[in-house]
Amino acid sequence: MKKGMLIAFEGIDGTGKTSQLKDLASYLRQQGTEVVETREPTDGPYGKKIRALYTKRHTVTLEEELDLFIADRRQHVAECIQPALDRESVVLTDRYYYSTAAYQGAMGADPQYILKRNHFAPRPDLVILLTMSVDVSIRRIQEQRHEQLNDFEQAGQLELVAALFASFDDPAIVRIEAGGTFAEVQQMIRKTVDQVRAQKQQS
């Protein structure tokens, strides 16, 4: 059972999830809230294996890849997310099971099957889904990060991922256009989080 609050940041690569999450964490801490920042894949043994696939995704089957994501998430929930929620902390995770469903779904896996395999994971109170055109996201990856596109970031793949993210109808999802300035996007995120926290406190 959750006691704290779980917020997942989702979206295709290049939407600014990581930076926006850190800014939100600072905002919440200024209010005296205990915040745990985390990410998936994690830095644990399974997460490291997943990160190794960024440039050699073809070396495993989809099922083997999914098994790694599930194992990484089980450890993540047991060692980080659930203990923090039990302390009534706000947990901010950079990616969660929606990303697994979208990115593996783009490779031909059944997104609903993937979501069912994640039944053990606490459901987020809020999913901030940052949206952006694939062209802009790729330009950000190349120009701002100065990085080459990895196996998960190819344009055709990201178009499919974006379409799957757009199809998800979980009521916890709030879509926020990420193409504006950093401050504009952060302001929308803070407003959304404040509203959800107020509703949670009243319930």
N, C-alpha and C. Protein backbone atom coordinates (compact mmCIF):
# COMPACT_ATOMS: atom_id res chain seq x y z
N MET A 1 0.85 -1.20 0.00
CA MET A 1 0.00 0.00 0.00
C MET A 1 0.88 1.24 0.00
N LYS A 2 0.52 2.20 -0.86
CA LYS A 2 1.26 3.45 -0.91
C LYS A 2 0.83 4.36 0.24
N LYS A 3 1.78 5.11 0.78
CA LYS A 3 1.47 6.12 1.79
C LYS A 3 1.90 7.50 1.31
N GLY A 4 3.05 7.53 0.61
CA GLY A 4 3.54 8.79 0.07
C GLY A 4 2.91 9.10 -1.27
N MET A 5 3.69 9.71 -2.14
CA MET A 5 3.18 10.08 -3.46
C MET A 5 4.21 9.71 -4.51
N LEU A 6 3.76 9.06 -5.57
CA LEU A 6 4.64 8.61 -6.65
C LEU A 6 4.31 9.38 -7.92
N ILE A 7 5.31 10.07 -8.46
CA ILE A 7 5.15 10.84 -9.70
C ILE A 7 6.16 10.32 -10.71
N ALA A 8 5.67 9.90 -11.86
CA ALA A 8 6.54 9.40 -12.93
C ALA A 8 6.62 10.43 -14.05
N PHE A 9 7.82 10.67 -14.53
CA PHE A 9 8.05 11.52 -15.70
C PHE A 9 8.25 10.61 -16.90
N GLU A 10 7.45 10.85 -17.93
CA GLU A 10 7.52 10.02 -19.13
C GLU A 10 7.57 10.89 -20.38
N GLY A 11 7.89 10.27 -21.50
CA GLY A 11 7.96 10.96 -22.78
C GLY A 11 9.10 10.42 -23.61
N ILE A 12 9.12 10.79 -24.88
CA ILE A 12 10.21 10.33 -25.74
C ILE A 12 11.50 11.03 -25.32
N ASP A 13 12.61 10.52 -25.82
CA ASP A 13 13.91 11.11 -25.50
C ASP A 13 13.98 12.55 -26.00
N GLY A 14 14.65 13.41 -25.23
CA GLY A 14 14.84 14.78 -25.66
C GLY A 14 13.79 15.75 -25.17
N THR A 15 12.81 15.29 -24.41
CA THR A 15 11.73 16.18 -23.96
C THR A 15 12.11 16.96 -22.70
N GLY A 16 13.25 16.65 -22.10
CA GLY A 16 13.69 17.39 -20.92
C GLY A 16 13.24 16.82 -19.60
N LYS A 17 12.86 15.56 -19.57
CA LYS A 17 12.35 14.93 -18.35
C LYS A 17 13.29 15.09 -17.17
N THR A 18 14.55 14.76 -17.40
CA THR A 18 15.52 14.72 -16.30
C THR A 18 15.70 16.10 -15.68
N SER A 19 15.86 17.12 -16.50
CA SER A 19 16.06 18.48 -15.98
C SER A 19 14.81 19.00 -15.29
N GLN A 20 13.65 18.72 -15.88
CA GLN A 20 12.40 19.18 -15.27
C GLN A 20 12.15 18.49 -13.94
N LEU A 21 12.49 17.21 -13.87
CA LEU A 21 12.32 16.46 -12.61
C LEU A 21 13.18 17.09 -11.51
N LYS A 22 14.42 17.41 -11.83
CA LYS A 22 15.32 17.99 -10.82
C LYS A 22 14.80 19.34 -10.34
N ASP A 23 14.25 20.15 -11.24
CA ASP A 23 13.73 21.45 -10.86
C ASP A 23 12.50 21.30 -9.97
N LEU A 24 11.65 20.34 -10.30
CA LEU A 24 10.48 20.07 -9.47
C LEU A 24 10.91 19.60 -8.08
N ALA A 25 11.93 18.76 -8.01
CA ALA A 25 12.42 18.28 -6.73
C ALA A 25 12.87 19.45 -5.85
N SER A 26 13.56 20.40 -6.43
CA SER A 26 14.01 21.57 -5.67
C SER A 26 12.82 22.38 -5.15
N TYR A 27 11.83 22.55 -6.01
CA TYR A 27 10.62 23.29 -5.64
C TYR A 27 9.91 22.62 -4.46
N LEU A 28 9.78 21.30 -4.50
CA LEU A 28 9.09 20.58 -3.43
C LEU A 28 9.90 20.61 -2.13
N ARG A 29 11.21 20.51 -2.25
CA ARG A 29 12.05 20.55 -1.04
C ARG A 29 11.97 21.91 -0.36
N GLN A 30 11.83 22.95 -1.16
CA GLN A 30 11.69 24.30 -0.60
C GLN A 30 10.42 24.42 0.26
N GLN A 31 9.46 23.53 0.00
CA GLN A 31 8.22 23.52 0.77
C GLN A 31 8.33 22.60 1.99
N GLY A 32 9.50 22.03 2.20
CA GLY A 32 9.70 21.15 3.34
C GLY A 32 9.33 19.70 3.08
N THR A 33 9.16 19.32 1.83
CA THR A 33 8.77 17.96 1.47
C THR A 33 10.01 17.08 1.29
N GLU A 34 9.96 15.87 1.84
CA GLU A 34 11.04 14.92 1.57
C GLU A 34 10.83 14.34 0.18
N VAL A 35 11.84 14.46 -0.67
CA VAL A 35 11.74 14.03 -2.06
C VAL A 35 12.83 13.01 -2.35
N VAL A 36 12.46 11.95 -3.04
CA VAL A 36 13.42 10.95 -3.51
C VAL A 36 13.43 11.02 -5.03
N GLU A 37 14.60 11.32 -5.61
CA GLU A 37 14.76 11.34 -7.06
C GLU A 37 15.36 10.02 -7.50
N THR A 38 14.77 9.40 -8.51
CA THR A 38 15.28 8.12 -8.98
C THR A 38 15.03 8.01 -10.47
N ARG A 39 15.47 6.92 -11.06
CA ARG A 39 15.33 6.77 -12.51
C ARG A 39 15.31 5.30 -12.90
N GLU A 40 14.80 5.05 -14.09
CA GLU A 40 14.88 3.74 -14.70
C GLU A 40 15.39 3.89 -16.13
N PRO A 41 16.22 2.95 -16.59
CA PRO A 41 16.80 1.86 -15.84
C PRO A 41 17.62 2.39 -14.67
N THR A 42 17.73 1.58 -13.61
CA THR A 42 18.47 2.00 -12.42
C THR A 42 19.96 1.79 -12.64
N ASP A 43 20.73 2.08 -11.60
CA ASP A 43 22.17 1.80 -11.65
C ASP A 43 22.50 0.44 -11.06
N GLY A 44 21.46 -0.37 -10.81
CA GLY A 44 21.67 -1.71 -10.28
C GLY A 44 22.16 -2.67 -11.35
N PRO A 45 22.36 -3.94 -10.99
CA PRO A 45 22.92 -4.92 -11.94
C PRO A 45 22.08 -5.10 -13.20
N TYR A 46 20.75 -5.13 -13.04
CA TYR A 46 19.90 -5.30 -14.23
C TYR A 46 19.85 -4.02 -15.05
N GLY A 47 19.82 -2.88 -14.37
CA GLY A 47 19.82 -1.61 -15.08
C GLY A 47 21.06 -1.42 -15.91
N LYS A 48 22.21 -1.84 -15.38
CA LYS A 48 23.46 -1.72 -16.13
C LYS A 48 23.43 -2.59 -17.38
N LYS A 49 22.82 -3.76 -17.28
CA LYS A 49 22.70 -4.63 -18.46
C LYS A 49 21.82 -3.97 -19.52
N ILE A 50 20.75 -3.30 -19.06
CA ILE A 50 19.86 -2.60 -20.00
C ILE A 50 20.61 -1.47 -20.69
N ARG A 51 21.37 -0.69 -19.92
CA ARG A 51 22.12 0.43 -20.51
C ARG A 51 23.15 -0.05 -21.52
N ALA A 52 23.67 -1.25 -21.30
CA ALA A 52 24.63 -1.81 -22.25
C ALA A 52 23.98 -2.11 -23.59
N LEU A 53 22.64 -2.25 -23.59
CA LEU A 53 21.92 -2.54 -24.84
C LEU A 53 21.69 -1.29 -25.70
N TYR A 54 22.01 -0.11 -25.16
CA TYR A 54 21.74 1.12 -25.90
C TYR A 54 22.42 1.14 -27.27
N THR A 55 23.55 0.43 -27.39
CA THR A 55 24.25 0.40 -28.68
C THR A 55 24.30 -1.00 -29.29
N LYS A 56 23.59 -1.95 -28.67
CA LYS A 56 23.58 -3.31 -29.22
C LYS A 56 22.27 -4.02 -28.88
N ARG A 57 21.19 -3.31 -29.12
CA ARG A 57 19.87 -3.84 -28.76
C ARG A 57 19.55 -5.13 -29.51
N HIS A 58 20.16 -5.30 -30.67
CA HIS A 58 19.88 -6.47 -31.52
C HIS A 58 20.40 -7.78 -30.93
N THR A 59 21.19 -7.70 -29.84
CA THR A 59 21.81 -8.91 -29.30
C THR A 59 20.89 -9.71 -28.38
N VAL A 60 19.71 -9.17 -28.05
CA VAL A 60 18.77 -9.90 -27.20
C VAL A 60 17.40 -9.94 -27.86
N THR A 61 16.58 -10.90 -27.47
CA THR A 61 15.20 -10.94 -27.95
C THR A 61 14.37 -9.93 -27.16
N LEU A 62 13.19 -9.62 -27.67
CA LEU A 62 12.30 -8.70 -26.95
C LEU A 62 11.94 -9.25 -25.58
N GLU A 63 11.71 -10.55 -25.50
CA GLU A 63 11.34 -11.16 -24.22
C GLU A 63 12.49 -11.08 -23.23
N GLU A 64 13.71 -11.31 -23.71
CA GLU A 64 14.88 -11.20 -22.83
C GLU A 64 15.05 -9.76 -22.33
N GLU A 65 14.82 -8.81 -23.24
CA GLU A 65 14.91 -7.40 -22.86
C GLU A 65 13.85 -7.05 -21.82
N LEU A 66 12.62 -7.52 -22.05
CA LEU A 66 11.54 -7.25 -21.11
C LEU A 66 11.85 -7.85 -19.74
N ASP A 67 12.39 -9.06 -19.73
CA ASP A 67 12.75 -9.71 -18.46
C ASP A 67 13.74 -8.86 -17.67
N LEU A 68 14.68 -8.22 -18.37
CA LEU A 68 15.65 -7.35 -17.70
C LEU A 68 14.95 -6.13 -17.09
N PHE A 69 14.03 -5.53 -17.85
CA PHE A 69 13.30 -4.37 -17.34
C PHE A 69 12.46 -4.74 -16.12
N ILE A 70 11.82 -5.90 -16.17
CA ILE A 70 10.98 -6.35 -15.05
C ILE A 70 11.84 -6.61 -13.82
N ALA A 71 12.97 -7.29 -14.01
CA ALA A 71 13.86 -7.58 -12.87
C ALA A 71 14.41 -6.29 -12.27
N ASP A 72 14.78 -5.35 -13.12
CA ASP A 72 15.28 -4.06 -12.65
C ASP A 72 14.21 -3.32 -11.86
N ARG A 73 12.98 -3.35 -12.36
CA ARG A 73 11.88 -2.64 -11.69
C ARG A 73 11.52 -3.31 -10.37
N ARG A 74 11.52 -4.62 -10.32
CA ARG A 74 11.23 -5.30 -9.05
C ARG A 74 12.23 -4.86 -7.97
N GLN A 75 13.50 -4.82 -8.33
CA GLN A 75 14.52 -4.39 -7.38
C GLN A 75 14.33 -2.92 -7.02
N HIS A 76 14.01 -2.11 -8.00
CA HIS A 76 13.79 -0.68 -7.80
C HIS A 76 12.64 -0.44 -6.82
N VAL A 77 11.55 -1.14 -7.02
CA VAL A 77 10.38 -1.00 -6.15
C VAL A 77 10.72 -1.45 -4.73
N ALA A 78 11.37 -2.60 -4.62
CA ALA A 78 11.65 -3.18 -3.30
C ALA A 78 12.66 -2.36 -2.50
N GLU A 79 13.68 -1.83 -3.18
CA GLU A 79 14.78 -1.20 -2.46
C GLU A 79 14.68 0.32 -2.40
N CYS A 80 13.91 0.93 -3.29
CA CYS A 80 13.87 2.39 -3.35
C CYS A 80 12.44 2.94 -3.26
N ILE A 81 11.59 2.58 -4.21
CA ILE A 81 10.29 3.24 -4.31
C ILE A 81 9.39 2.96 -3.12
N GLN A 82 9.15 1.68 -2.81
CA GLN A 82 8.22 1.36 -1.73
C GLN A 82 8.70 1.85 -0.36
N PRO A 83 9.98 1.68 0.00
CA PRO A 83 10.44 2.22 1.28
C PRO A 83 10.25 3.73 1.38
N ALA A 84 10.48 4.45 0.28
CA ALA A 84 10.29 5.90 0.30
C ALA A 84 8.82 6.26 0.46
N LEU A 85 7.95 5.53 -0.22
CA LEU A 85 6.52 5.77 -0.08
C LEU A 85 6.05 5.47 1.34
N ASP A 86 6.63 4.44 1.94
CA ASP A 86 6.27 4.09 3.32
C ASP A 86 6.68 5.20 4.30
N ARG A 87 7.72 5.95 3.94
CA ARG A 87 8.14 7.09 4.76
C ARG A 87 7.31 8.34 4.44
N GLU A 88 6.33 8.18 3.55
CA GLU A 88 5.46 9.27 3.11
C GLU A 88 6.23 10.34 2.35
N SER A 89 7.27 9.91 1.64
CA SER A 89 8.03 10.81 0.78
C SER A 89 7.33 10.97 -0.57
N VAL A 90 7.72 12.00 -1.30
CA VAL A 90 7.32 12.14 -2.69
C VAL A 90 8.44 11.53 -3.54
N VAL A 91 8.09 10.54 -4.33
CA VAL A 91 9.06 9.86 -5.19
C VAL A 91 8.90 10.38 -6.62
N LEU A 92 9.99 10.88 -7.19
CA LEU A 92 10.00 11.32 -8.58
C LEU A 92 10.86 10.36 -9.37
N THR A 93 10.26 9.63 -10.30
CA THR A 93 11.04 8.70 -11.10
C THR A 93 11.09 9.14 -12.56
N ASP A 94 12.30 9.17 -13.08
CA ASP A 94 12.57 9.50 -14.47
C ASP A 94 12.39 8.21 -15.27
N ARG A 95 11.23 8.02 -15.81
CA ARG A 95 10.74 6.82 -16.52
C ARG A 95 10.21 5.79 -15.53
N TYR A 96 9.22 5.01 -16.04
CA TYR A 96 8.60 3.95 -15.25
C TYR A 96 8.06 2.93 -16.25
N TYR A 97 7.06 2.17 -15.87
CA TYR A 97 6.64 1.07 -16.75
C TYR A 97 5.95 1.53 -18.03
N TYR A 98 5.50 2.77 -18.09
CA TYR A 98 4.89 3.27 -19.33
C TYR A 98 5.94 3.33 -20.44
N SER A 99 7.17 3.68 -20.08
CA SER A 99 8.25 3.72 -21.07
C SER A 99 8.54 2.33 -21.62
N THR A 100 8.54 1.34 -20.73
CA THR A 100 8.77 -0.03 -21.19
C THR A 100 7.69 -0.44 -22.19
N ALA A 101 6.43 -0.13 -21.86
CA ALA A 101 5.32 -0.47 -22.75
C ALA A 101 5.44 0.25 -24.09
N ALA A 102 5.86 1.52 -24.06
CA ALA A 102 5.95 2.30 -25.29
C ALA A 102 7.15 1.89 -26.15
N TYR A 103 8.31 1.78 -25.53
CA TYR A 103 9.51 1.48 -26.31
C TYR A 103 9.54 0.04 -26.81
N GLN A 104 9.08 -0.90 -25.99
CA GLN A 104 9.02 -2.29 -26.46
C GLN A 104 7.83 -2.48 -27.40
N GLY A 105 6.75 -1.75 -27.11
CA GLY A 105 5.60 -1.82 -28.02
C GLY A 105 5.96 -1.35 -29.41
N ALA A 106 6.85 -0.35 -29.49
CA ALA A 106 7.30 0.15 -30.79
C ALA A 106 8.11 -0.90 -31.56
N MET A 107 8.61 -1.89 -30.84
CA MET A 107 9.37 -2.98 -31.48
C MET A 107 8.47 -4.16 -31.81
N GLY A 108 7.17 -4.05 -31.49
CA GLY A 108 6.24 -5.11 -31.85
C GLY A 108 5.65 -5.88 -30.69
N ALA A 109 6.09 -5.60 -29.46
CA ALA A 109 5.52 -6.28 -28.29
C ALA A 109 4.14 -5.71 -27.99
N ASP A 110 3.35 -6.46 -27.25
CA ASP A 110 2.00 -6.03 -26.88
C ASP A 110 2.07 -5.14 -25.64
N PRO A 111 1.77 -3.85 -25.76
CA PRO A 111 1.86 -2.95 -24.61
C PRO A 111 1.01 -3.40 -23.43
N GLN A 112 -0.17 -3.95 -23.69
CA GLN A 112 -1.04 -4.38 -22.59
C GLN A 112 -0.43 -5.57 -21.84
N TYR A 113 0.22 -6.45 -22.58
CA TYR A 113 0.92 -7.58 -21.93
C TYR A 113 2.02 -7.06 -21.02
N ILE A 114 2.75 -6.06 -21.49
CA ILE A 114 3.83 -5.48 -20.69
C ILE A 114 3.27 -4.83 -19.43
N LEU A 115 2.21 -4.07 -19.57
CA LEU A 115 1.61 -3.41 -18.41
C LEU A 115 1.13 -4.44 -17.39
N LYS A 116 0.57 -5.55 -17.87
CA LYS A 116 0.11 -6.60 -16.95
C LYS A 116 1.27 -7.21 -16.18
N ARG A 117 2.42 -7.34 -16.84
CA ARG A 117 3.59 -7.92 -16.17
C ARG A 117 4.15 -7.00 -15.08
N ASN A 118 3.69 -5.75 -15.08
CA ASN A 118 4.13 -4.79 -14.07
C ASN A 118 3.11 -4.61 -12.95
N HIS A 119 2.26 -5.59 -12.76
CA HIS A 119 1.19 -5.50 -11.75
C HIS A 119 1.74 -5.29 -10.34
N PHE A 120 2.98 -5.72 -10.10
CA PHE A 120 3.59 -5.63 -8.77
C PHE A 120 4.02 -4.20 -8.43
N ALA A 121 4.16 -3.35 -9.44
CA ALA A 121 4.72 -2.01 -9.22
C ALA A 121 3.63 -1.05 -8.75
N PRO A 122 3.92 -0.21 -7.75
CA PRO A 122 2.92 0.76 -7.29
C PRO A 122 2.46 1.65 -8.43
N ARG A 123 1.17 1.92 -8.49
CA ARG A 123 0.65 2.81 -9.52
C ARG A 123 0.96 4.26 -9.15
N PRO A 124 1.42 5.04 -10.10
CA PRO A 124 1.71 6.45 -9.80
C PRO A 124 0.45 7.24 -9.46
N ASP A 125 0.62 8.22 -8.60
CA ASP A 125 -0.47 9.18 -8.35
C ASP A 125 -0.58 10.15 -9.51
N LEU A 126 0.54 10.35 -10.20
CA LEU A 126 0.58 11.28 -11.33
C LEU A 126 1.65 10.84 -12.31
N VAL A 127 1.30 10.87 -13.58
CA VAL A 127 2.28 10.63 -14.64
C VAL A 127 2.36 11.91 -15.47
N ILE A 128 3.50 12.56 -15.43
CA ILE A 128 3.72 13.76 -16.24
C ILE A 128 4.30 13.29 -17.56
N LEU A 129 3.47 13.31 -18.60
CA LEU A 129 3.89 12.86 -19.92
C LEU A 129 4.24 14.08 -20.76
N LEU A 130 5.53 14.31 -20.95
CA LEU A 130 5.98 15.45 -21.73
C LEU A 130 5.90 15.12 -23.21
N THR A 131 5.24 15.97 -23.97
CA THR A 131 5.03 15.71 -25.40
C THR A 131 5.82 16.70 -26.24
N MET A 132 6.24 16.23 -27.42
CA MET A 132 7.06 17.04 -28.31
C MET A 132 7.18 16.32 -29.64
N SER A 133 7.33 17.06 -30.72
CA SER A 133 7.52 16.42 -32.03
C SER A 133 8.86 15.70 -32.04
N VAL A 134 8.92 14.61 -32.78
CA VAL A 134 10.15 13.82 -32.85
C VAL A 134 11.29 14.63 -33.45
N ASP A 135 11.01 15.46 -34.44
CA ASP A 135 12.05 16.28 -35.06
C ASP A 135 12.74 17.17 -34.02
N VAL A 136 11.93 17.81 -33.18
CA VAL A 136 12.49 18.70 -32.16
C VAL A 136 13.26 17.90 -31.12
N SER A 137 12.75 16.74 -30.72
CA SER A 137 13.43 15.94 -29.70
C SER A 137 14.79 15.47 -30.20
N ILE A 138 14.86 15.04 -31.45
CA ILE A 138 16.14 14.59 -32.01
C ILE A 138 17.12 15.75 -32.10
N ARG A 139 16.64 16.91 -32.50
CA ARG A 139 17.51 18.08 -32.58
C ARG A 139 18.08 18.42 -31.19
N ARG A 140 17.24 18.30 -30.17
CA ARG A 140 17.71 18.57 -28.80
C ARG A 140 18.79 17.57 -28.40
N ILE A 141 18.55 16.29 -28.69
CA ILE A 141 19.53 15.26 -28.33
C ILE A 141 20.88 15.56 -28.97
N GLN A 142 20.85 15.94 -30.25
CA GLN A 142 22.09 16.14 -30.99
C GLN A 142 22.76 17.48 -30.68
N GLU A 143 21.96 18.54 -30.52
CA GLU A 143 22.53 19.87 -30.35
C GLU A 143 22.79 20.24 -28.89
N GLN A 144 21.90 19.82 -28.00
CA GLN A 144 22.07 20.20 -26.59
C GLN A 144 22.90 19.19 -25.82
N ARG A 145 22.67 17.90 -26.09
CA ARG A 145 23.44 16.88 -25.39
C ARG A 145 24.74 16.56 -26.14
N HIS A 146 24.80 16.94 -27.42
CA HIS A 146 25.96 16.60 -28.27
C HIS A 146 26.20 15.09 -28.27
N GLU A 147 25.11 14.34 -28.44
CA GLU A 147 25.19 12.89 -28.41
C GLU A 147 24.75 12.30 -29.74
N GLN A 148 25.28 11.15 -30.06
CA GLN A 148 24.79 10.36 -31.19
C GLN A 148 23.52 9.64 -30.74
N LEU A 149 22.60 9.40 -31.67
CA LEU A 149 21.37 8.69 -31.33
C LEU A 149 21.68 7.23 -31.05
N ASN A 150 21.19 6.73 -29.90
CA ASN A 150 21.41 5.32 -29.61
C ASN A 150 20.29 4.47 -30.24
N ASP A 151 20.32 3.17 -29.95
CA ASP A 151 19.38 2.25 -30.59
C ASP A 151 17.93 2.50 -30.21
N PHE A 152 17.69 3.23 -29.12
CA PHE A 152 16.34 3.51 -28.67
C PHE A 152 15.84 4.87 -29.17
N GLU A 153 16.71 5.61 -29.88
CA GLU A 153 16.41 7.00 -30.22
C GLU A 153 16.28 7.27 -31.72
N GLN A 154 16.24 6.24 -32.53
CA GLN A 154 16.13 6.45 -33.98
C GLN A 154 14.76 7.05 -34.31
N ALA A 155 14.73 7.90 -35.35
CA ALA A 155 13.52 8.68 -35.66
C ALA A 155 12.28 7.80 -35.87
N GLY A 156 12.40 6.76 -36.69
CA GLY A 156 11.25 5.90 -36.94
C GLY A 156 10.76 5.24 -35.67
N GLN A 157 11.70 4.83 -34.84
CA GLN A 157 11.36 4.21 -33.56
C GLN A 157 10.64 5.21 -32.66
N LEU A 158 11.15 6.44 -32.59
CA LEU A 158 10.55 7.44 -31.70
C LEU A 158 9.15 7.83 -32.15
N GLU A 159 8.91 7.82 -33.45
CA GLU A 159 7.55 8.12 -33.95
C GLU A 159 6.57 7.08 -33.42
N LEU A 160 6.96 5.82 -33.45
CA LEU A 160 6.11 4.75 -32.94
C LEU A 160 5.93 4.86 -31.43
N VAL A 161 7.01 5.20 -30.74
CA VAL A 161 6.95 5.37 -29.29
C VAL A 161 5.99 6.50 -28.93
N ALA A 162 6.12 7.62 -29.64
CA ALA A 162 5.24 8.78 -29.37
C ALA A 162 3.78 8.42 -29.61
N ALA A 163 3.52 7.64 -30.65
CA ALA A 163 2.14 7.23 -30.94
C ALA A 163 1.58 6.35 -29.83
N LEU A 164 2.42 5.48 -29.29
CA LEU A 164 1.96 4.62 -28.19
C LEU A 164 1.73 5.43 -26.93
N PHE A 165 2.64 6.35 -26.61
CA PHE A 165 2.42 7.23 -25.46
C PHE A 165 1.08 7.98 -25.62
N ALA A 166 0.79 8.41 -26.83
CA ALA A 166 -0.45 9.16 -27.10
C ALA A 166 -1.68 8.29 -26.91
N SER A 167 -1.53 6.97 -27.07
CA SER A 167 -2.67 6.05 -26.97
C SER A 167 -3.00 5.65 -25.54
N PHE A 168 -2.07 5.86 -24.62
CA PHE A 168 -2.29 5.42 -23.23
C PHE A 168 -3.39 6.29 -22.60
N ASP A 169 -4.34 5.64 -21.92
CA ASP A 169 -5.49 6.36 -21.35
C ASP A 169 -5.57 6.25 -19.83
N ASP A 170 -4.46 5.97 -19.19
CA ASP A 170 -4.44 5.91 -17.73
C ASP A 170 -4.87 7.27 -17.17
N PRO A 171 -5.84 7.30 -16.26
CA PRO A 171 -6.32 8.58 -15.72
C PRO A 171 -5.26 9.36 -14.95
N ALA A 172 -4.17 8.70 -14.56
CA ALA A 172 -3.10 9.40 -13.84
C ALA A 172 -2.24 10.25 -14.78
N ILE A 173 -2.38 10.04 -16.08
CA ILE A 173 -1.52 10.73 -17.05
C ILE A 173 -2.02 12.15 -17.30
N VAL A 174 -1.09 13.10 -17.19
CA VAL A 174 -1.34 14.49 -17.59
C VAL A 174 -0.31 14.84 -18.65
N ARG A 175 -0.77 15.21 -19.82
CA ARG A 175 0.13 15.55 -20.93
C ARG A 175 0.48 17.02 -20.90
N ILE A 176 1.77 17.31 -20.98
CA ILE A 176 2.25 18.68 -20.97
C ILE A 176 3.16 18.90 -22.17
N GLU A 177 2.84 19.89 -22.98
CA GLU A 177 3.65 20.21 -24.16
C GLU A 177 5.01 20.73 -23.71
N ALA A 178 6.08 20.07 -24.18
CA ALA A 178 7.42 20.39 -23.70
C ALA A 178 8.21 21.28 -24.65
N GLY A 179 7.55 21.81 -25.67
CA GLY A 179 8.26 22.61 -26.66
C GLY A 179 8.50 24.05 -26.27
N GLY A 180 7.89 24.51 -25.18
CA GLY A 180 8.08 25.89 -24.74
C GLY A 180 9.40 26.07 -24.03
N THR A 181 9.58 27.22 -23.37
CA THR A 181 10.80 27.45 -22.62
C THR A 181 10.82 26.52 -21.40
N PHE A 182 12.00 26.34 -20.85
CA PHE A 182 12.12 25.49 -19.67
C PHE A 182 11.23 26.00 -18.55
N ALA A 183 11.24 27.32 -18.32
CA ALA A 183 10.46 27.91 -17.23
C ALA A 183 8.96 27.72 -17.45
N GLU A 184 8.51 27.85 -18.69
CA GLU A 184 7.08 27.67 -18.99
C GLU A 184 6.64 26.25 -18.70
N VAL A 185 7.45 25.30 -19.13
CA VAL A 185 7.11 23.89 -18.91
C VAL A 185 7.14 23.58 -17.42
N GLN A 186 8.14 24.08 -16.71
CA GLN A 186 8.24 23.83 -15.27
C GLN A 186 7.04 24.41 -14.53
N GLN A 187 6.60 25.57 -14.96
CA GLN A 187 5.45 26.19 -14.31
C GLN A 187 4.20 25.33 -14.47
N MET A 188 4.01 24.76 -15.64
CA MET A 188 2.86 23.87 -15.87
C MET A 188 2.97 22.60 -15.02
N ILE A 189 4.19 22.10 -14.90
CA ILE A 189 4.42 20.90 -14.09
C ILE A 189 4.10 21.19 -12.62
N ARG A 190 4.61 22.30 -12.10
CA ARG A 190 4.36 22.65 -10.70
C ARG A 190 2.87 22.84 -10.43
N LYS A 191 2.18 23.49 -11.33
CA LYS A 191 0.74 23.71 -11.16
C LYS A 191 0.01 22.37 -11.10
N THR A 192 0.37 21.47 -11.99
CA THR A 192 -0.26 20.15 -12.03
C THR A 192 0.01 19.37 -10.74
N VAL A 193 1.26 19.37 -10.30
CA VAL A 193 1.64 18.65 -9.09
C VAL A 193 0.93 19.23 -7.87
N ASP A 194 0.88 20.55 -7.78
CA ASP A 194 0.20 21.19 -6.64
C ASP A 194 -1.27 20.79 -6.59
N GLN A 195 -1.92 20.72 -7.75
CA GLN A 195 -3.33 20.33 -7.80
C GLN A 195 -3.53 18.89 -7.35
N VAL A 196 -2.68 18.00 -7.83
CA VAL A 196 -2.82 16.58 -7.47
C VAL A 196 -2.51 16.37 -5.98
N ARG A 197 -1.51 17.06 -5.46
CA ARG A 197 -1.19 16.94 -4.04
C ARG A 197 -2.35 17.45 -3.18
N ALA A 198 -2.97 18.55 -3.60
CA ALA A 198 -4.10 19.09 -2.84
C ALA A 198 -5.27 18.10 -2.84
N GLN A 199 -5.53 17.49 -3.99
CA GLN A 199 -6.62 16.51 -4.09
C GLN A 199 -6.32 15.30 -3.21
N LYS A 200 -5.07 14.86 -3.20
CA LYS A 200 -4.68 13.69 -2.42
C LYS A 200 -4.84 13.98 -0.91
N GLN A 201 -4.50 15.19 -0.49
CA GLN A 201 -4.62 15.55 0.92
C GLN A 201 -6.09 15.63 1.38
N GLN A 202 -6.96 15.98 0.43
CA GLN A 202 -8.38 16.11 0.76
C GLN A 202 -9.09 14.76 0.79
N SER A 203 -8.52 13.79 0.10
CA SER A 203 -9.20 12.47 -0.01
C SER A 203 -8.96 11.62 1.23
